[in-house]
Amino acid sequence: MSYSHFVKMLLAVAAISMVPRLALAQTTAPAGLANTAVAASPALPPWPTKPIRVVVPFGAGSFTDIAARTVGAELSAKLGQPIIVEAKGGAGSTLGTDVVAKAAPDGYTFLVTDNSFAVSSALYEKLPYSPKDLVQVSLLADAPAVLVGRPRLSAKTLKEVVELARTNPGTLTFGSGGQGSSAQLAMEAFLLQNKLQLVHVPFKGIAPALMEVAADRVDIAISSVGTASPYIKDGRLLGLAVSSEKRHPNMPEVPTFTEAGFSSYKMMYWFGMMAPAGTPPAIIERMQKEIVKAVATPKVVEVFAATGVRAIATSPATFTKMVQSETTLWSEVITRAKIKPE
């Protein structure tokens, strides 16, 4: 694949992940079908009539977990049943994902996950489930990425960092949340675009990686705005560039990648809900409609905005297309960067 084609893929993924809130399309059977041989679909039993389980394939306290609990509280009020959020981390998010993939498709088990779903689909040759075992319901939120540097790094702008890396290939280090993590792939995409060589230092999560950058033991890292902005605000990290179209209100002093001279780089973190394949379409439709309402409530918008995240809902079709595009993108990055799972 040519470099220009690779850049176009990145732009396509960003455009998809920034789509506005969409209403789920309604379909109506044409008149006259009543006398044909096509049987009408059986009426769906009342739903929900008992608590709904939402699995998060990460540890408690992650933003994905916070998003599930925040939106879940609103959904519970709207659906009239408790939403029970279960944080089940492990195996690079595949453990919790597998639980939902194998759950009964009865509308009482859902998954709230993030970019890791597409990354895992691209990274692992063998998964305990197939990505097709899950269907997309709606996005819940998205957030830009921010590239940060250690406070005593001699380069103070992204251009200076790139120049330093070019003149000293293989000497600068970058931290991530682990081998094959979203943070590693986000950085590898930038390195491939700019033909740079840095040393990868994996950690068990992006939080410890940022702590090492703040301690001047690792040079740079890419993280979500919500995770990195507190470090930037108090001066523990140097904000080099943010992937939003405009400067982020949580850290207005940090330039965009375009302002920093790297307009081709596009990266968005996303968070969304999925369900076991075979879940009745009427349930998917109802849940998506309630998500649209939930993410528009002042409480959800406020909680998300405080961490630099945008509340957003999409149709199942839009979310599905985005996941497919991201899986293709990360497959390309993984192949070109020769990334192997742990």
Protein backbone atom coordinates (compact mmCIF):
# COMPACT_ATOMS: atom_id res chain seq x y z
CA MET A 1 0.00 0.00 0.00
CA SER A 2 1.36 3.45 -0.92
CA TYR A 3 1.99 6.09 1.73
CA SER A 4 -0.65 8.38 0.18
CA HIS A 5 -3.21 5.59 0.37
CA PHE A 6 -2.30 5.01 4.02
CA VAL A 7 -2.87 8.70 4.81
CA LYS A 8 -6.25 8.60 3.06
CA MET A 9 -7.22 5.66 5.29
CA LEU A 10 -6.38 7.68 8.37
CA LEU A 11 -8.46 10.60 7.11
CA ALA A 12 -11.38 8.28 6.37
CA VAL A 13 -11.35 6.81 9.86
CA ALA A 14 -11.32 10.27 11.46
CA ALA A 15 -14.19 11.45 9.27
CA ILE A 16 -16.27 8.46 10.24
CA SER A 17 -15.55 8.80 13.96
CA MET A 18 -16.59 12.48 13.94
CA VAL A 19 -20.00 11.88 12.40
CA PRO A 20 -22.93 13.77 13.94
CA ARG A 21 -25.67 12.06 15.90
CA LEU A 22 -27.88 10.09 13.54
CA ALA A 23 -31.36 8.71 14.03
CA LEU A 24 -31.85 5.03 13.34
CA ALA A 25 -33.63 4.59 10.03
CA GLN A 26 -37.19 3.31 10.20
CA THR A 27 -38.53 0.78 7.71
CA THR A 28 -42.17 0.31 6.84
CA ALA A 29 -43.56 -2.65 4.91
CA PRO A 30 -45.14 -1.61 1.59
CA ALA A 31 -48.92 -1.81 1.33
CA GLY A 32 -50.30 -4.99 -0.16
CA LEU A 33 -47.87 -7.44 1.43
CA ALA A 34 -50.56 -8.77 3.77
CA ASN A 35 -51.91 -11.08 1.04
CA THR A 36 -48.50 -12.43 -0.04
CA ALA A 37 -46.79 -15.58 1.18
CA VAL A 38 -44.38 -13.55 3.35
CA ALA A 39 -45.27 -14.17 6.98
CA ALA A 40 -45.34 -11.24 9.39
CA SER A 41 -42.65 -11.16 12.06
CA PRO A 42 -43.88 -12.39 15.43
CA ALA A 43 -44.54 -9.67 17.96
CA LEU A 44 -41.60 -9.02 20.27
CA PRO A 45 -42.35 -9.76 23.95
CA PRO A 46 -42.18 -6.75 26.30
CA TRP A 47 -38.59 -5.64 26.84
CA PRO A 48 -36.92 -5.16 29.23
CA THR A 49 -38.59 -7.05 32.06
CA LYS A 50 -35.49 -7.69 34.19
CA PRO A 51 -32.03 -6.12 34.89
CA ILE A 52 -29.68 -5.63 31.95
CA ARG A 53 -26.02 -6.63 32.22
CA VAL A 54 -23.40 -4.40 30.62
CA VAL A 55 -19.87 -5.82 30.48
CA VAL A 56 -16.84 -3.52 30.23
CA PRO A 57 -13.71 -5.45 29.12
CA PHE A 58 -11.41 -3.25 31.24
CA GLY A 59 -10.73 -2.67 34.91
CA ALA A 60 -12.98 -0.53 37.08
CA GLY A 61 -12.15 3.17 36.90
CA SER A 62 -11.20 3.27 33.21
CA PHE A 63 -13.06 5.86 31.15
CA THR A 64 -14.83 3.03 29.33
CA ASP A 65 -16.12 1.89 32.72
CA ILE A 66 -17.09 5.45 33.66
CA ALA A 67 -18.89 5.90 30.33
CA ALA A 68 -20.84 2.67 30.81
CA ARG A 69 -21.93 3.62 34.33
CA THR A 70 -22.79 7.23 33.45
CA VAL A 71 -24.85 6.34 30.39
CA GLY A 72 -26.17 3.23 32.13
CA ALA A 73 -27.76 5.31 34.89
CA GLU A 74 -29.68 7.31 32.30
CA LEU A 75 -30.69 4.19 30.38
CA SER A 76 -31.92 2.57 33.58
CA ALA A 77 -34.25 5.50 34.21
CA LYS A 78 -35.54 5.44 30.64
CA LEU A 79 -35.94 1.65 30.35
CA GLY A 80 -37.32 1.12 33.84
CA GLN A 81 -34.85 -1.64 34.74
CA PRO A 82 -31.47 -1.67 36.54
CA ILE A 83 -28.35 -1.53 34.38
CA ILE A 84 -25.69 -3.66 36.06
CA VAL A 85 -22.17 -2.74 34.87
CA GLU A 86 -19.53 -5.43 35.26
CA ALA A 87 -15.85 -4.52 34.74
CA LYS A 88 -14.14 -7.64 33.41
CA GLY A 89 -10.66 -6.75 32.22
CA GLY A 90 -7.90 -9.02 31.01
CA ALA A 91 -6.24 -10.42 27.87
CA GLY A 92 -6.19 -7.08 26.08
CA SER A 93 -9.97 -6.59 26.42
CA THR A 94 -10.72 -9.95 24.79
CA LEU A 95 -11.78 -11.68 28.03
CA GLY A 96 -14.79 -9.46 28.70
CA THR A 97 -15.60 -9.23 25.00
CA ASP A 98 -15.72 -13.01 24.76
CA VAL A 99 -18.25 -13.14 27.62
CA VAL A 100 -20.69 -10.97 25.65
CA ALA A 101 -19.95 -12.68 22.33
CA LYS A 102 -21.05 -15.98 23.85
CA ALA A 103 -24.02 -14.58 25.81
CA ALA A 104 -27.62 -15.33 24.89
CA PRO A 105 -28.84 -12.79 22.29
CA ASP A 106 -31.92 -11.94 24.32
CA GLY A 107 -31.34 -8.24 24.95
CA TYR A 108 -30.09 -8.65 28.51
CA THR A 109 -26.33 -8.60 27.90
CA PHE A 110 -24.42 -5.77 26.20
CA LEU A 111 -20.79 -4.73 25.79
CA VAL A 112 -19.36 -1.23 26.21
CA THR A 113 -15.90 -1.15 24.64
CA ASP A 114 -13.51 1.15 22.78
CA ASN A 115 -10.89 1.17 20.00
CA SER A 116 -9.43 -2.03 21.47
CA PHE A 117 -12.20 -4.02 19.77
CA ALA A 118 -10.94 -3.05 16.30
CA VAL A 119 -7.30 -3.35 17.40
CA SER A 120 -7.81 -6.88 18.76
CA SER A 121 -9.61 -7.90 15.58
CA ALA A 122 -6.61 -6.73 13.57
CA LEU A 123 -3.88 -7.91 15.95
CA TYR A 124 -4.81 -11.46 16.91
CA GLU A 125 -4.91 -14.26 14.36
CA LYS A 126 -6.94 -16.36 16.76
CA LEU A 127 -9.53 -14.91 19.13
CA PRO A 128 -11.85 -16.85 21.47
CA TYR A 129 -14.68 -15.21 19.53
CA SER A 130 -15.27 -13.85 16.05
CA PRO A 131 -15.83 -10.08 15.62
CA LYS A 132 -18.97 -11.14 13.76
CA ASP A 133 -20.30 -12.57 17.03
CA LEU A 134 -21.13 -8.99 18.05
CA VAL A 135 -23.24 -6.31 16.42
CA GLN A 136 -22.84 -2.58 16.88
CA VAL A 137 -25.59 -0.62 18.63
CA SER A 138 -24.28 2.96 18.94
CA LEU A 139 -21.32 5.08 19.83
CA LEU A 140 -21.46 6.68 23.26
CA ALA A 141 -18.53 9.06 23.05
CA ASP A 142 -15.35 9.99 21.26
CA ALA A 143 -12.24 11.94 22.19
CA PRO A 144 -9.13 13.25 20.46
CA ALA A 145 -5.65 11.98 21.15
CA VAL A 146 -2.86 14.14 22.53
CA LEU A 147 0.86 13.61 22.03
CA VAL A 148 2.83 14.52 25.15
CA GLY A 149 6.50 14.81 26.04
CA ARG A 150 8.51 14.65 29.24
CA PRO A 151 8.93 18.04 30.94
CA ARG A 152 12.73 18.22 30.48
CA LEU A 153 12.77 17.07 26.87
CA SER A 154 15.06 19.38 24.89
CA ALA A 155 12.52 19.56 22.04
CA LYS A 156 9.57 21.74 23.04
CA THR A 157 7.42 21.51 19.87
CA LEU A 158 6.32 18.56 17.77
CA LYS A 159 8.47 19.72 14.84
CA GLU A 160 11.47 19.80 17.14
CA VAL A 161 10.68 16.31 18.43
CA VAL A 162 10.43 14.97 14.87
CA GLU A 163 13.72 16.63 13.93
CA LEU A 164 15.39 15.22 17.03
CA ALA A 165 14.11 11.75 16.16
CA ARG A 166 15.35 12.03 12.58
CA THR A 167 18.84 13.12 13.58
CA ASN A 168 19.04 10.49 16.33
CA PRO A 169 17.13 7.44 15.00
CA GLY A 170 16.38 4.74 17.55
CA THR A 171 17.28 6.82 20.61
CA LEU A 172 14.03 8.51 21.64
CA THR A 173 11.52 6.36 23.53
CA PHE A 174 7.74 6.28 23.57
CA GLY A 175 5.48 4.70 26.18
CA SER A 176 2.18 2.91 25.66
CA GLY A 177 -0.41 0.86 27.47
CA GLY A 178 1.20 -2.36 26.27
CA GLN A 179 2.20 -4.33 23.20
CA GLY A 180 -0.58 -3.99 20.62
CA SER A 181 -2.46 -1.38 22.66
CA SER A 182 -4.35 1.52 21.07
CA ALA A 183 -1.69 3.89 22.40
CA GLN A 184 1.09 1.96 20.68
CA LEU A 185 -0.76 1.76 17.38
CA ALA A 186 -1.63 5.46 17.51
CA MET A 187 2.07 6.28 17.88
CA GLU A 188 3.17 3.73 15.28
CA ALA A 189 0.79 5.34 12.78
CA PHE A 190 2.48 8.72 13.36
CA LEU A 191 5.96 7.18 13.11
CA LEU A 192 5.08 5.44 9.84
CA GLN A 193 3.70 8.64 8.35
CA ASN A 194 6.88 10.53 9.19
CA LYS A 195 9.39 7.67 8.69
CA LEU A 196 10.69 7.82 12.25
CA GLN A 197 12.32 5.19 14.46
CA LEU A 198 11.64 5.30 18.21
CA VAL A 199 12.02 2.67 20.91
CA HIS A 200 8.72 1.31 22.26
CA VAL A 201 8.43 0.96 26.05
CA PRO A 202 5.22 -0.94 26.93
CA PHE A 203 3.45 -0.65 30.29
CA LYS A 204 0.41 -2.29 31.84
CA GLY A 205 -1.92 0.55 30.96
CA ILE A 206 -1.53 4.09 29.68
CA ALA A 207 -1.65 5.63 33.18
CA PRO A 208 1.71 4.14 34.29
CA ALA A 209 3.17 5.04 30.90
CA LEU A 210 2.25 8.70 31.39
CA MET A 211 3.68 8.62 34.91
CA GLU A 212 7.03 7.49 33.49
CA VAL A 213 6.95 10.25 30.88
CA ALA A 214 6.14 12.76 33.62
CA ALA A 215 9.09 11.38 35.63
CA ASP A 216 11.45 12.06 32.68
CA ARG A 217 12.20 8.37 32.19
CA VAL A 218 10.33 8.01 28.86
CA ASP A 219 10.40 10.69 26.17
CA ILE A 220 6.90 10.83 24.65
CA ALA A 221 3.51 9.08 24.50
CA ILE A 222 0.07 9.38 22.93
CA SER A 223 -3.00 9.26 25.15
CA SER A 224 -6.61 10.36 25.26
CA VAL A 225 -7.20 13.96 26.29
CA GLY A 226 -9.11 12.88 29.38
CA THR A 227 -6.20 10.86 30.75
CA ALA A 228 -3.40 13.29 29.86
CA SER A 229 -4.95 16.73 30.42
CA PRO A 230 -4.48 16.78 34.24
CA TYR A 231 -0.74 16.18 33.75
CA ILE A 232 -0.55 18.94 31.15
CA LYS A 233 -2.48 21.42 33.29
CA ASP A 234 -0.10 21.09 36.24
CA GLY A 235 3.03 21.12 34.10
CA ARG A 236 4.03 17.48 34.61
CA LEU A 237 3.72 16.79 30.86
CA LEU A 238 4.47 18.88 27.82
CA GLY A 239 1.49 19.00 25.46
CA LEU A 240 2.84 18.76 21.90
CA ALA A 241 -0.28 18.33 19.72
CA VAL A 242 -3.94 17.31 19.93
CA SER A 243 -5.80 15.48 17.15
CA SER A 244 -9.02 17.54 17.30
CA GLU A 245 -9.88 19.93 14.49
CA LYS A 246 -9.67 22.87 16.89
CA ARG A 247 -7.75 23.36 20.10
CA HIS A 248 -9.33 21.45 22.93
CA PRO A 249 -11.11 23.60 25.58
CA ASN A 250 -9.56 21.51 28.39
CA MET A 251 -6.05 22.52 27.27
CA PRO A 252 -6.21 25.51 24.91
CA GLU A 253 -2.45 26.02 25.07
CA VAL A 254 -1.81 22.78 23.14
CA PRO A 255 -1.76 23.21 19.32
CA THR A 256 -3.59 20.86 16.97
CA PHE A 257 -1.57 18.49 14.79
CA THR A 258 -2.46 20.73 11.85
CA GLU A 259 -1.14 23.82 13.63
CA ALA A 260 1.97 21.85 14.55
CA GLY A 261 2.60 21.08 10.87
CA PHE A 262 1.24 17.50 10.68
CA SER A 263 -2.25 17.84 9.21
CA SER A 264 -2.31 14.29 7.82
CA TYR A 265 -2.41 12.72 11.29
CA LYS A 266 -5.94 11.84 12.43
CA MET A 267 -6.69 9.79 15.52
CA MET A 268 -9.82 9.54 17.64
CA TYR A 269 -10.57 7.37 20.64
CA TRP A 270 -14.13 6.04 20.63
CA PHE A 271 -16.42 4.29 23.09
CA GLY A 272 -19.52 2.37 22.07
CA MET A 273 -22.09 -0.29 22.86
CA MET A 274 -22.38 -3.68 21.17
CA ALA A 275 -24.63 -6.71 21.60
CA PRO A 276 -24.43 -10.44 20.84
CA ALA A 277 -25.19 -11.22 17.21
CA GLY A 278 -28.75 -12.40 16.86
CA THR A 279 -30.18 -9.91 19.35
CA PRO A 280 -33.65 -8.98 18.00
CA PRO A 281 -33.46 -5.89 15.76
CA ALA A 282 -36.34 -4.31 17.67
CA ILE A 283 -34.28 -4.44 20.87
CA ILE A 284 -31.23 -2.97 19.12
CA GLU A 285 -33.46 -0.21 17.75
CA ARG A 286 -34.98 0.56 21.14
CA MET A 287 -31.61 0.60 22.90
CA GLN A 288 -30.10 2.87 20.25
CA LYS A 289 -32.98 5.32 20.54
CA GLU A 290 -32.57 5.46 24.32
CA ILE A 291 -28.81 6.00 23.94
CA VAL A 292 -29.52 9.01 21.72
CA LYS A 293 -31.60 10.48 24.53
CA ALA A 294 -29.18 9.46 27.29
CA VAL A 295 -26.04 11.02 25.79
CA ALA A 296 -27.93 14.28 25.24
CA THR A 297 -28.77 14.69 28.94
CA PRO A 298 -26.92 17.51 30.74
CA LYS A 299 -25.43 15.11 33.29
CA VAL A 300 -23.81 12.86 30.69
CA VAL A 301 -22.59 15.80 28.62
CA GLU A 302 -21.11 17.43 31.72
CA VAL A 303 -19.38 14.30 33.04
CA PHE A 304 -17.89 13.51 29.64
CA ALA A 305 -16.84 17.09 28.90
CA ALA A 306 -15.01 17.32 32.24
CA THR A 307 -12.67 14.59 31.02
CA GLY A 308 -12.31 16.00 27.51
CA VAL A 309 -14.74 13.58 25.90
CA ARG A 310 -17.66 14.33 23.58
CA ALA A 311 -20.99 12.54 24.12
CA ILE A 312 -22.27 11.26 20.78
CA ALA A 313 -24.67 8.63 19.42
CA THR A 314 -24.75 7.05 15.96
CA SER A 315 -26.87 4.57 14.06
CA PRO A 316 -25.83 0.90 14.16
CA ALA A 317 -24.92 1.08 10.47
CA THR A 318 -22.61 4.07 10.97
CA PHE A 319 -20.94 2.46 13.96
CA THR A 320 -20.49 -0.80 12.03
CA LYS A 321 -18.86 0.98 9.11
CA MET A 322 -16.50 2.80 11.46
CA VAL A 323 -15.40 -0.42 13.19
CA GLN A 324 -14.76 -2.09 9.84
CA SER A 325 -12.69 0.87 8.62
CA GLU A 326 -10.66 0.98 11.82
CA THR A 327 -9.97 -2.75 11.69
CA THR A 328 -8.62 -2.32 8.16
CA LEU A 329 -6.53 0.67 9.21
CA TRP A 330 -4.96 -1.01 12.24
CA SER A 331 -4.29 -4.17 10.23
CA GLU A 332 -2.20 -2.02 7.91
CA VAL A 333 -0.36 -0.34 10.79
CA ILE A 334 0.28 -3.69 12.50
CA THR A 335 1.65 -5.22 9.30
CA ARG A 336 3.90 -2.29 8.40
CA ALA A 337 5.19 -1.80 11.95
CA LYS A 338 5.59 -5.59 12.41
CA ILE A 339 3.71 -5.57 15.71
CA LYS A 340 3.22 -8.90 17.44
CA PRO A 341 0.85 -9.57 20.36
CA GLU A 342 2.35 -10.46 23.72
